[in-house]
Structure formats: C-alpha cells, structure tokens
Amino acid sequence: MKYAKRFKSFMLGASLLAANLPAWAVVDSQGGPAVRQLNLQTPVTQIAEQIYSIHNLMLVICLVIFIAVFGVMFYSILKHRKSVGHEAATFHESTAVEIAWTVVPFLIVIGMALPATKTVVAMKDTSNADLTIKVTGMQWKWGYDYLKGEGEGISFLSTLATPRTQVGAPGVAPTEARSDNYLLEVDNQVVVPVNKKVRMITTANDVIHSWTIPAFGVKQDAIPGFVRDTWFKAEKIGTYRGQCVELCGKEHAFMPIVVNVVSDEDYKKWVETKKKEMAAKADDPNKVWTVDELKQRGEKVYAANCVACHQASGKGVPGAFPALDGSAVVAGGKAGQIAIVMNGKNGMPSWKATLSDTEIAAVITYTRNNWSNKSAENIVQPAEVLAARK
C-alpha cells in the first residue's frame, strides 16, 4: 500500500514538473534535418538520388529475405511439430539444397553490388569540374579556397554563427531562445552556381574532420597531410546544411557546413561582391596602429578563432588548453608569442596561413592588454609579424 502511495506521489510530481517546463517549438531546418524525418534527406543531386534508391532497394531485399526465412521457419515449426505426428528426418546431405543456398545468396549479392558499385565509381569521378574548392578542416571551423573556375582567388573561414547564449554551458542553461537552424548556421556560407559540377578538395591542419552534406550525397574525410576529393552538382537552388561527422574534439558539434546554391547570375554578383570585400580587408602590413585600434580588431579575431579553446575569460580549459590570463608567454617577450601563434605548439595549430599579419598582431596585442595581463611590451605591429615570417 505504501509503495502505491509513493508511486502516486512520484507521478504527480513528474506531471507538475512537465507542466512547468518551457515548450520548445521545434521546426524543420531549412536545407537540413526535418522534424520526425524517417528517411534520408530529399536529394538534390544525381548521386544523392542514386544513394536514396539503393538505400530503398536494400531495405526491400532485406524485408523480402526476412519474410521468406521466418515464414519458412514458422511454417515448419507449426506444420511439422511432433504433437501432430511428424517425425524428424534422418538425411544428412542434399546436393540440391546446398546448390540452392549457395547460388541464391550469390545472385542476391550480385544484384545488390551492381548498382552500388556503379554509384561508388560515379562518386569518385571528379574530372571535368566547372569549379574547384579546397576545404580545410580545423578545430573548429572550415576554411574555403576557390582554386579554379569563376571565383578563383576567393578565400574565407566559415565558423558557427549560433551565439553562445543559445548554446549555454555545462550546468548553465541558455539565456536566449534557439533559432530554427540551431548549430546549423555559419557566418560565411559556401556559394556555388546551380547545375555546375563542383569539385571539393579536402584536407585538415590538425585532426581528421569530415565534410558532409546529406542532400548532396557527399561525405568526404579531411585528413591532415593528405588530399582527398569529392564532387557534387546541385540541381536545385536553395540552402543546404551539413556538419562535420568525424569526432574531432571538444567543439565537434559546432562545425556546421552551409552551402548556398544560386543561379549563374547571382553567383557572378556574389563573386564580384566577395572580391571587393577581400580587397577592402587586405591590410597594409606597414601601417602603424594604435593600441586601442589593435585591441578592438584583436577582440574580434579572438572571438572568431581562439575563444573555443582559451575561453572568453582567458582561463583556458584545465588539462587541455592553457590559460592566457596570467600566462608567462603573454607577459614575456612578444617575439616568443608571435612565434607560437604563427607556428603553433602542442595542440595549438599554426595560424600563419589562416590569419593575416594584421590579425595576428591584433590578437596578440589584445591578449597582452586584456584580463589581468599588463605586459611591458604591450603592442605588436603588423610589420613585426611580417618580419617574423621571413
């Protein structure tokens, strides 16, 4: 009786708790996963359509085999049981049966392998591409370089755009309502023209990542020291989302991929605009900056590239990433800090190819003048970084 009362009290408490929880309105992500989605995402490339068809074919074959095997098994159990007078057979071999259970599975495997092999071969054919883009995975963002085709020379980083106020932290609830594309939105989207073959060359500068867009039927690992490639040809204008699907560390869940497929006309406009933006951002390394100018620029560079490991407070992650607040490196000579930022050390990657001279100078100046740090050499000019490159 007392257990029944306890159970009743528990259920009442659970009901009250559920009634007071906030209602999360979950909707489909544009170009990403859908609510209650039971199958693969809607394909927008021929390869993705073939993968979708093969997936369904395999399920049908498995279902037919399941029904046939279990049907025969249950029929044999019910119709040939001892209680209705049947006796077990005493034969040991049957050439016909052995031939059948060898030939039939062989034919099934061949029937499954032929369409799959055709698709795999097509997936690896990256020849005659209209556009070539190099993708570099890094903890925890993507770098894109347009190498060939219209837009050649465009280069940018793509990082998570979802604010940390929506993400929260261990033991800390988010303070802002989550967007429809939570953790699937970026500050710089990859833009490609519709109905054009796009070759993606993948690599990484730290650990293994994997560049994946389900609607394209594309999943290609990005491995440090290796160059891999894949391709897609999107046949429908729209925005398509994916993520890094190779466990790559602490911020693995925060490496989204967004590809915007546009018309040829819109793509030409984007290329023109992007090149103007890059030209405007190209800083003269010989320009002399004030401390305040560098601190302001460095705060943005730090937030985009450093905060994931060293934290906004500069305290780092104990046992994984060192603190910059009170760091002997930050408080010491600036030449040593410049060398570490440019060349990397231990788990920290090299930023020599990723950040400009001005960005490196700005972020170093920011760290040497922020939190409790009061360095004697409190400013680094871009010219000093340029000199360190030589």
Protein backbone atom coordinates (compact mmCIF):
# COMPACT_ATOMS: atom_id res chain seq x y z
CA MET A 1 0.00 0.00 0.00
CA LYS A 2 2.78 2.40 0.95
CA TYR A 3 4.55 1.71 -2.37
CA ALA A 4 1.37 2.56 -4.26
CA LYS A 5 1.18 5.90 -2.43
CA ARG A 6 4.84 6.63 -3.20
CA PHE A 7 4.31 5.82 -6.86
CA LYS A 8 1.25 8.06 -6.99
CA SER A 9 3.20 10.91 -5.38
CA PHE A 10 6.07 10.40 -7.84
CA MET A 11 3.75 10.52 -10.86
CA LEU A 12 2.02 13.64 -9.52
CA GLY A 13 5.39 15.37 -9.06
CA ALA A 14 6.50 14.36 -12.56
CA SER A 15 3.27 15.73 -14.03
CA LEU A 16 3.71 19.06 -12.25
CA LEU A 17 7.34 19.27 -13.41
CA ALA A 18 6.39 18.56 -17.02
CA ALA A 19 3.64 21.16 -16.88
CA ASN A 20 6.12 23.83 -15.80
CA LEU A 21 8.83 23.05 -18.35
CA PRO A 22 9.15 25.54 -21.25
CA ALA A 23 7.65 24.41 -24.55
CA TRP A 24 10.33 24.00 -27.23
CA ALA A 25 8.89 24.76 -30.66
CA VAL A 26 10.91 22.50 -32.97
CA VAL A 27 10.55 23.12 -36.71
CA ASP A 28 12.26 21.85 -39.84
CA SER A 29 15.71 23.29 -40.54
CA GLN A 30 15.89 24.97 -43.94
CA GLY A 31 18.05 22.67 -46.03
CA GLY A 32 18.78 20.49 -43.00
CA PRO A 33 17.05 17.81 -40.92
CA ALA A 34 13.27 17.77 -40.64
CA VAL A 35 11.05 17.05 -37.65
CA ARG A 36 10.11 13.33 -37.42
CA GLN A 37 12.13 12.59 -40.55
CA LEU A 38 12.06 8.85 -41.18
CA ASN A 39 14.19 8.61 -44.31
CA LEU A 40 17.17 10.29 -45.95
CA GLN A 41 17.01 13.99 -46.77
CA THR A 42 15.42 14.90 -50.10
CA PRO A 43 18.20 14.50 -52.71
CA VAL A 44 19.17 17.43 -54.96
CA THR A 45 21.98 15.72 -56.90
CA GLN A 46 22.00 12.64 -59.12
CA ILE A 47 24.42 10.87 -56.78
CA ALA A 48 22.15 11.54 -53.80
CA GLU A 49 19.17 10.22 -55.78
CA GLN A 50 21.08 7.02 -56.58
CA ILE A 51 22.05 6.61 -52.92
CA TYR A 52 18.41 7.11 -51.95
CA SER A 53 17.25 4.49 -54.48
CA ILE A 54 19.92 1.97 -53.44
CA HIS A 55 19.01 2.52 -49.80
CA ASN A 56 15.36 1.70 -50.52
CA LEU A 57 16.33 -1.28 -52.72
CA MET A 58 18.46 -2.77 -49.94
CA LEU A 59 15.64 -2.36 -47.43
CA VAL A 60 13.19 -4.13 -49.78
CA ILE A 61 15.63 -7.01 -50.37
CA CYS A 62 16.24 -7.36 -46.62
CA LEU A 63 12.48 -7.29 -45.97
CA VAL A 64 11.81 -10.00 -48.59
CA ILE A 65 14.58 -12.20 -47.15
CA PHE A 66 13.25 -11.64 -43.62
CA ILE A 67 9.71 -12.61 -44.60
CA ALA A 68 10.86 -15.66 -46.61
CA VAL A 69 13.22 -17.04 -43.95
CA PHE A 70 10.95 -16.50 -40.99
CA GLY A 71 7.90 -17.61 -42.99
CA VAL A 72 9.52 -20.96 -43.80
CA MET A 73 10.79 -21.29 -40.24
CA PHE A 74 7.43 -20.67 -38.57
CA TYR A 75 5.60 -22.81 -41.16
CA SER A 76 7.98 -25.69 -40.42
CA ILE A 77 7.55 -25.28 -36.68
CA LEU A 78 3.74 -25.19 -36.81
CA LYS A 79 3.02 -27.76 -39.52
CA HIS A 80 5.74 -30.32 -38.76
CA ARG A 81 5.77 -30.41 -34.99
CA LYS A 82 5.89 -33.68 -33.09
CA SER A 83 2.47 -33.16 -31.47
CA VAL A 84 0.72 -33.62 -34.84
CA GLY A 85 2.57 -36.83 -35.61
CA HIS A 86 5.61 -35.72 -37.57
CA GLU A 87 8.99 -37.31 -37.03
CA ALA A 88 12.40 -35.76 -37.66
CA ALA A 89 14.05 -36.69 -40.97
CA THR A 90 17.29 -38.63 -40.84
CA PHE A 91 19.02 -37.46 -44.06
CA HIS A 92 22.37 -35.60 -43.76
CA GLU A 93 23.14 -34.17 -47.19
CA SER A 94 21.21 -32.74 -50.10
CA THR A 95 23.13 -31.60 -53.16
CA ALA A 96 20.15 -29.65 -54.47
CA VAL A 97 19.70 -27.74 -51.21
CA GLU A 98 23.43 -26.96 -50.95
CA ILE A 99 23.48 -25.67 -54.54
CA ALA A 100 20.39 -23.58 -53.87
CA TRP A 101 21.67 -21.93 -50.70
CA THR A 102 24.94 -21.11 -52.49
CA VAL A 103 23.57 -19.85 -55.80
CA VAL A 104 20.61 -17.83 -54.47
CA PRO A 105 22.62 -15.73 -51.98
CA PHE A 106 25.30 -15.22 -54.66
CA LEU A 107 22.69 -13.84 -57.07
CA ILE A 108 21.25 -11.61 -54.34
CA VAL A 109 24.70 -10.18 -53.52
CA ILE A 110 25.42 -9.54 -57.21
CA GLY A 111 22.06 -7.80 -57.57
CA MET A 112 22.94 -5.55 -54.64
CA ALA A 113 26.56 -4.95 -55.67
CA LEU A 114 25.99 -3.87 -59.27
CA PRO A 115 24.01 -0.64 -58.62
CA ALA A 116 26.13 0.15 -55.55
CA THR A 117 29.39 -0.22 -57.49
CA LYS A 118 28.08 1.96 -60.30
CA THR A 119 27.27 4.73 -57.83
CA VAL A 120 30.58 4.44 -55.96
CA VAL A 121 32.52 4.73 -59.23
CA ALA A 122 30.48 7.81 -60.20
CA MET A 123 31.12 9.37 -56.77
CA LYS A 124 34.88 9.18 -57.38
CA ASP A 125 34.81 10.74 -60.85
CA THR A 126 35.86 14.33 -60.15
CA SER A 127 37.02 15.05 -63.70
CA ASN A 128 35.76 17.96 -65.85
CA ALA A 129 34.71 20.09 -62.88
CA ASP A 130 33.39 23.61 -63.53
CA LEU A 131 34.56 24.82 -60.12
CA THR A 132 37.21 23.59 -57.68
CA ILE A 133 37.13 24.49 -53.98
CA LYS A 134 39.67 23.46 -51.37
CA VAL A 135 38.17 22.68 -47.94
CA THR A 136 40.41 22.73 -44.88
CA GLY A 137 39.05 21.37 -41.61
CA MET A 138 40.40 22.83 -38.40
CA GLN A 139 39.41 22.91 -34.75
CA TRP A 140 36.70 24.04 -35.02
CA LYS A 141 35.85 25.75 -38.27
CA TRP A 142 36.18 25.30 -42.03
CA GLY A 143 38.46 27.14 -44.42
CA TYR A 144 37.49 27.53 -48.09
CA ASP A 145 39.72 28.46 -51.03
CA TYR A 146 38.27 28.76 -54.54
CA LEU A 147 41.08 27.33 -56.67
CA LYS A 148 39.67 27.04 -60.17
CA GLY A 149 36.76 28.40 -62.14
CA GLU A 150 34.80 31.59 -61.70
CA GLY A 151 35.59 32.96 -58.26
CA GLU A 152 39.21 31.77 -58.30
CA GLY A 153 41.17 33.50 -55.54
CA ILE A 154 38.28 33.83 -53.08
CA SER A 155 39.21 32.59 -49.62
CA PHE A 156 37.44 32.74 -46.27
CA LEU A 157 36.78 30.98 -42.96
CA SER A 158 33.36 29.65 -42.05
CA THR A 159 32.52 29.43 -38.35
CA LEU A 160 29.44 28.70 -36.26
CA ALA A 161 27.03 31.65 -36.22
CA THR A 162 24.77 30.36 -33.43
CA PRO A 163 25.50 32.61 -30.41
CA ARG A 164 26.77 31.00 -27.23
CA THR A 165 23.78 32.47 -25.40
CA GLN A 166 21.66 29.87 -27.24
CA VAL A 167 24.09 27.04 -26.53
CA GLY A 168 24.62 27.51 -22.80
CA ALA A 169 27.36 25.69 -20.91
CA PRO A 170 27.68 22.69 -18.56
CA GLY A 171 25.35 23.43 -15.68
CA VAL A 172 24.27 26.74 -17.26
CA ALA A 173 21.02 27.00 -19.22
CA PRO A 174 20.89 29.01 -22.46
CA THR A 175 19.67 32.58 -21.98
CA GLU A 176 18.29 33.05 -25.49
CA ALA A 177 15.67 31.16 -27.48
CA ARG A 178 17.21 28.79 -30.02
CA SER A 179 16.80 29.55 -33.71
CA ASP A 180 15.29 27.22 -36.32
CA ASN A 181 18.79 26.41 -37.62
CA TYR A 182 20.39 25.99 -34.20
CA LEU A 183 24.00 24.80 -34.59
CA LEU A 184 23.49 24.60 -38.37
CA GLU A 185 24.24 28.23 -39.30
CA VAL A 186 27.52 29.90 -40.22
CA ASP A 187 28.89 33.40 -40.69
CA ASN A 188 30.22 32.69 -44.21
CA GLN A 189 28.32 30.31 -46.47
CA VAL A 190 29.85 28.42 -49.38
CA VAL A 191 28.21 29.76 -52.53
CA VAL A 192 28.10 27.74 -55.77
CA PRO A 193 26.14 28.00 -59.04
CA VAL A 194 23.28 25.62 -59.80
CA ASN A 195 23.79 22.81 -62.32
CA LYS A 196 27.59 23.15 -62.21
CA LYS A 197 29.98 20.36 -61.26
CA VAL A 198 31.85 21.40 -58.13
CA ARG A 199 34.98 19.51 -57.10
CA MET A 200 35.76 19.68 -53.37
CA ILE A 201 39.37 19.02 -52.32
CA THR A 202 39.54 18.19 -48.62
CA THR A 203 42.38 18.29 -46.12
CA ALA A 204 42.91 19.33 -42.49
CA ASN A 205 45.53 21.15 -40.44
CA ASP A 206 45.10 19.36 -37.09
CA VAL A 207 42.94 16.22 -36.76
CA ILE A 208 40.59 14.25 -39.01
CA HIS A 209 37.36 16.05 -39.93
CA SER A 210 34.66 15.04 -42.41
CA TRP A 211 32.84 17.37 -44.83
CA THR A 212 29.25 16.20 -45.25
CA ILE A 213 26.09 17.48 -46.95
CA PRO A 214 23.35 14.79 -46.83
CA ALA A 215 21.20 16.36 -49.56
CA PHE A 216 24.19 16.18 -51.95
CA GLY A 217 25.09 12.59 -51.04
CA VAL A 218 28.57 13.85 -50.11
CA LYS A 219 30.74 12.69 -47.20
CA GLN A 220 34.49 13.07 -47.53
CA ASP A 221 37.07 12.85 -44.74
CA ALA A 222 39.56 15.70 -44.38
CA ILE A 223 42.85 14.18 -43.16
CA PRO A 224 45.99 16.11 -42.12
CA GLY A 225 48.80 15.60 -44.62
CA PHE A 226 46.51 14.06 -47.25
CA VAL A 227 44.44 15.48 -50.10
CA ARG A 228 41.12 13.79 -50.85
CA ASP A 229 38.40 14.92 -53.25
CA THR A 230 34.72 14.53 -53.98
CA TRP A 231 32.16 16.38 -56.07
CA PHE A 232 28.53 17.39 -56.38
CA LYS A 233 26.25 19.01 -58.93
CA ALA A 234 23.26 20.58 -57.22
CA GLU A 235 20.19 20.68 -59.47
CA LYS A 236 18.00 22.86 -57.27
CA ILE A 237 18.55 26.39 -55.97
CA GLY A 238 18.46 26.60 -52.18
CA THR A 239 20.41 26.43 -48.95
CA TYR A 240 21.72 23.05 -47.79
CA ARG A 241 23.21 22.19 -44.42
CA GLY A 242 25.56 19.61 -43.02
CA GLN A 243 28.10 19.11 -40.25
CA CYS A 244 31.49 17.62 -39.53
CA VAL A 245 30.71 13.95 -38.93
CA GLU A 246 34.12 12.82 -37.70
CA LEU A 247 34.64 13.17 -33.95
CA CYS A 248 37.30 15.89 -33.91
CA GLY A 249 37.42 17.12 -30.32
CA LYS A 250 35.68 19.27 -27.76
CA GLU A 251 33.83 21.54 -30.23
CA HIS A 252 32.96 18.79 -32.73
CA ALA A 253 29.26 19.65 -32.53
CA PHE A 254 29.99 23.25 -33.52
CA MET A 255 31.35 22.72 -37.06
CA PRO A 256 28.35 23.23 -39.35
CA ILE A 257 28.52 23.41 -43.14
CA VAL A 258 26.17 25.60 -45.18
CA VAL A 259 26.15 25.63 -48.99
CA ASN A 260 24.05 28.19 -50.82
CA VAL A 261 23.19 27.10 -54.37
CA VAL A 262 22.29 30.12 -56.52
CA SER A 263 21.63 30.97 -60.16
CA ASP A 264 24.53 31.78 -62.50
CA GLU A 265 23.63 35.47 -62.39
CA ASP A 266 23.51 35.58 -58.59
CA TYR A 267 26.77 33.66 -58.39
CA LYS A 268 28.54 36.23 -60.57
CA LYS A 269 27.22 39.00 -58.31
CA TRP A 270 28.44 37.14 -55.22
CA VAL A 271 31.91 36.66 -56.71
CA GLU A 272 32.17 40.35 -57.53
CA THR A 273 30.99 41.36 -54.04
CA LYS A 274 33.25 38.86 -52.28
CA LYS A 275 36.34 40.00 -54.16
CA LYS A 276 35.59 43.63 -53.27
CA GLU A 277 35.25 42.62 -49.61
CA MET A 278 38.57 40.78 -49.70
CA ALA A 279 40.28 43.77 -51.32
CA ALA A 280 38.86 46.07 -48.65
CA LYS A 281 40.12 43.78 -45.88
CA ALA A 282 43.61 43.48 -47.33
CA ASP A 283 45.58 45.48 -44.77
CA ASP A 284 48.90 47.15 -45.42
CA PRO A 285 51.35 45.36 -43.07
CA ASN A 286 53.44 48.56 -42.89
CA LYS A 287 50.60 50.58 -41.39
CA VAL A 288 51.23 51.66 -37.80
CA TRP A 289 48.26 51.02 -35.49
CA THR A 290 47.45 52.39 -32.05
CA VAL A 291 46.98 50.04 -29.08
CA ASP A 292 43.25 50.74 -28.97
CA GLU A 293 42.83 50.03 -32.68
CA LEU A 294 44.64 46.73 -32.40
CA LYS A 295 42.75 45.75 -29.24
CA GLN A 296 39.41 46.40 -30.94
CA ARG A 297 40.42 44.40 -34.03
CA GLY A 298 42.03 41.70 -31.89
CA GLU A 299 38.89 41.14 -29.83
CA LYS A 300 37.02 40.12 -32.99
CA VAL A 301 39.86 37.85 -34.13
CA TYR A 302 39.99 36.23 -30.69
CA ALA A 303 36.22 35.65 -30.62
CA ALA A 304 36.27 34.02 -34.06
CA ASN A 305 39.36 31.84 -33.64
CA CYS A 306 40.59 31.50 -30.06
CA VAL A 307 37.63 31.58 -27.69
CA ALA A 308 36.69 27.91 -28.16
CA CYS A 309 39.97 26.74 -26.56
CA HIS A 310 41.14 29.60 -24.38
CA GLN A 311 37.62 30.77 -23.36
CA ALA A 312 36.25 34.33 -23.31
CA SER A 313 37.66 34.75 -19.80
CA GLY A 314 41.15 33.75 -20.95
CA LYS A 315 41.21 30.95 -18.37
CA GLY A 316 41.56 28.14 -20.94
CA VAL A 317 40.47 24.57 -20.24
CA PRO A 318 42.46 22.96 -17.40
CA GLY A 319 44.40 19.95 -18.61
CA ALA A 320 43.64 20.68 -22.26
CA PHE A 321 44.26 24.31 -23.25
CA PRO A 322 46.45 26.75 -21.28
CA ALA A 323 45.14 29.96 -19.76
CA LEU A 324 46.16 33.25 -21.39
CA ASP A 325 45.15 35.28 -18.35
CA GLY A 326 48.35 35.50 -16.31
CA SER A 327 50.32 33.45 -18.86
CA ALA A 328 54.09 33.74 -18.72
CA VAL A 329 54.18 33.62 -22.54
CA VAL A 330 51.79 36.57 -22.82
CA ALA A 331 53.64 38.51 -20.14
CA GLY A 332 57.07 37.72 -21.65
CA GLY A 333 58.78 38.96 -24.78
CA LYS A 334 56.47 39.46 -27.75
CA ALA A 335 58.78 37.60 -30.14
CA GLY A 336 58.06 34.35 -28.31
CA GLN A 337 54.30 34.82 -28.50
CA ILE A 338 54.48 35.75 -32.18
CA ALA A 339 56.39 32.53 -32.89
CA ILE A 340 53.86 30.37 -31.04
CA VAL A 341 50.83 31.94 -32.74
CA MET A 342 52.40 31.66 -36.17
CA ASN A 343 53.92 28.19 -35.88
CA GLY A 344 51.72 26.50 -33.28
CA LYS A 345 52.75 24.47 -30.27
CA ASN A 346 51.48 21.17 -28.82
CA GLY A 347 47.72 21.12 -29.53
CA MET A 348 47.62 24.66 -30.91
CA PRO A 349 47.64 24.84 -34.73
CA SER A 350 49.71 27.21 -36.81
CA TRP A 351 47.87 30.41 -37.75
CA LYS A 352 50.48 31.55 -40.26
CA ALA A 353 48.37 30.66 -43.29
CA THR A 354 44.99 31.37 -41.74
CA LEU A 355 45.40 34.86 -40.28
CA SER A 356 46.92 37.96 -41.86
CA ASP A 357 49.83 39.90 -40.37
CA THR A 358 47.42 42.49 -39.03
CA GLU A 359 45.11 39.90 -37.50
CA ILE A 360 47.98 38.13 -35.73
CA ALA A 361 49.35 41.44 -34.44
CA ALA A 362 45.88 42.48 -33.29
CA VAL A 363 45.03 39.29 -31.40
CA ILE A 364 48.42 39.23 -29.67
CA THR A 365 48.01 42.87 -28.65
CA TYR A 366 44.53 42.08 -27.37
CA THR A 367 45.75 39.24 -25.14
CA ARG A 368 48.65 41.31 -23.78
CA ASN A 369 46.27 44.08 -22.68
CA ASN A 370 43.23 42.11 -21.56
CA TRP A 371 42.05 40.40 -18.36
CA SER A 372 44.76 40.80 -15.69
CA ASN A 373 47.59 40.96 -18.23
CA LYS A 374 49.75 44.09 -18.18
CA SER A 375 52.69 43.28 -20.44
CA ALA A 376 55.65 45.61 -20.71
CA GLU A 377 55.74 45.07 -24.48
CA ASN A 378 52.04 45.70 -24.84
CA ILE A 379 51.76 46.27 -28.59
CA VAL A 380 52.68 44.26 -31.67
CA GLN A 381 52.64 45.91 -35.08
CA PRO A 382 51.85 44.01 -38.31
CA ALA A 383 55.33 44.79 -39.61
CA GLU A 384 56.80 42.75 -36.75
CA VAL A 385 54.71 39.75 -37.75
CA LEU A 386 55.71 40.21 -41.39
CA ALA A 387 59.37 40.22 -40.36
CA ALA A 388 58.87 37.01 -38.36
CA ARG A 389 57.54 35.24 -41.47
CA LYS A 390 60.89 35.66 -43.25
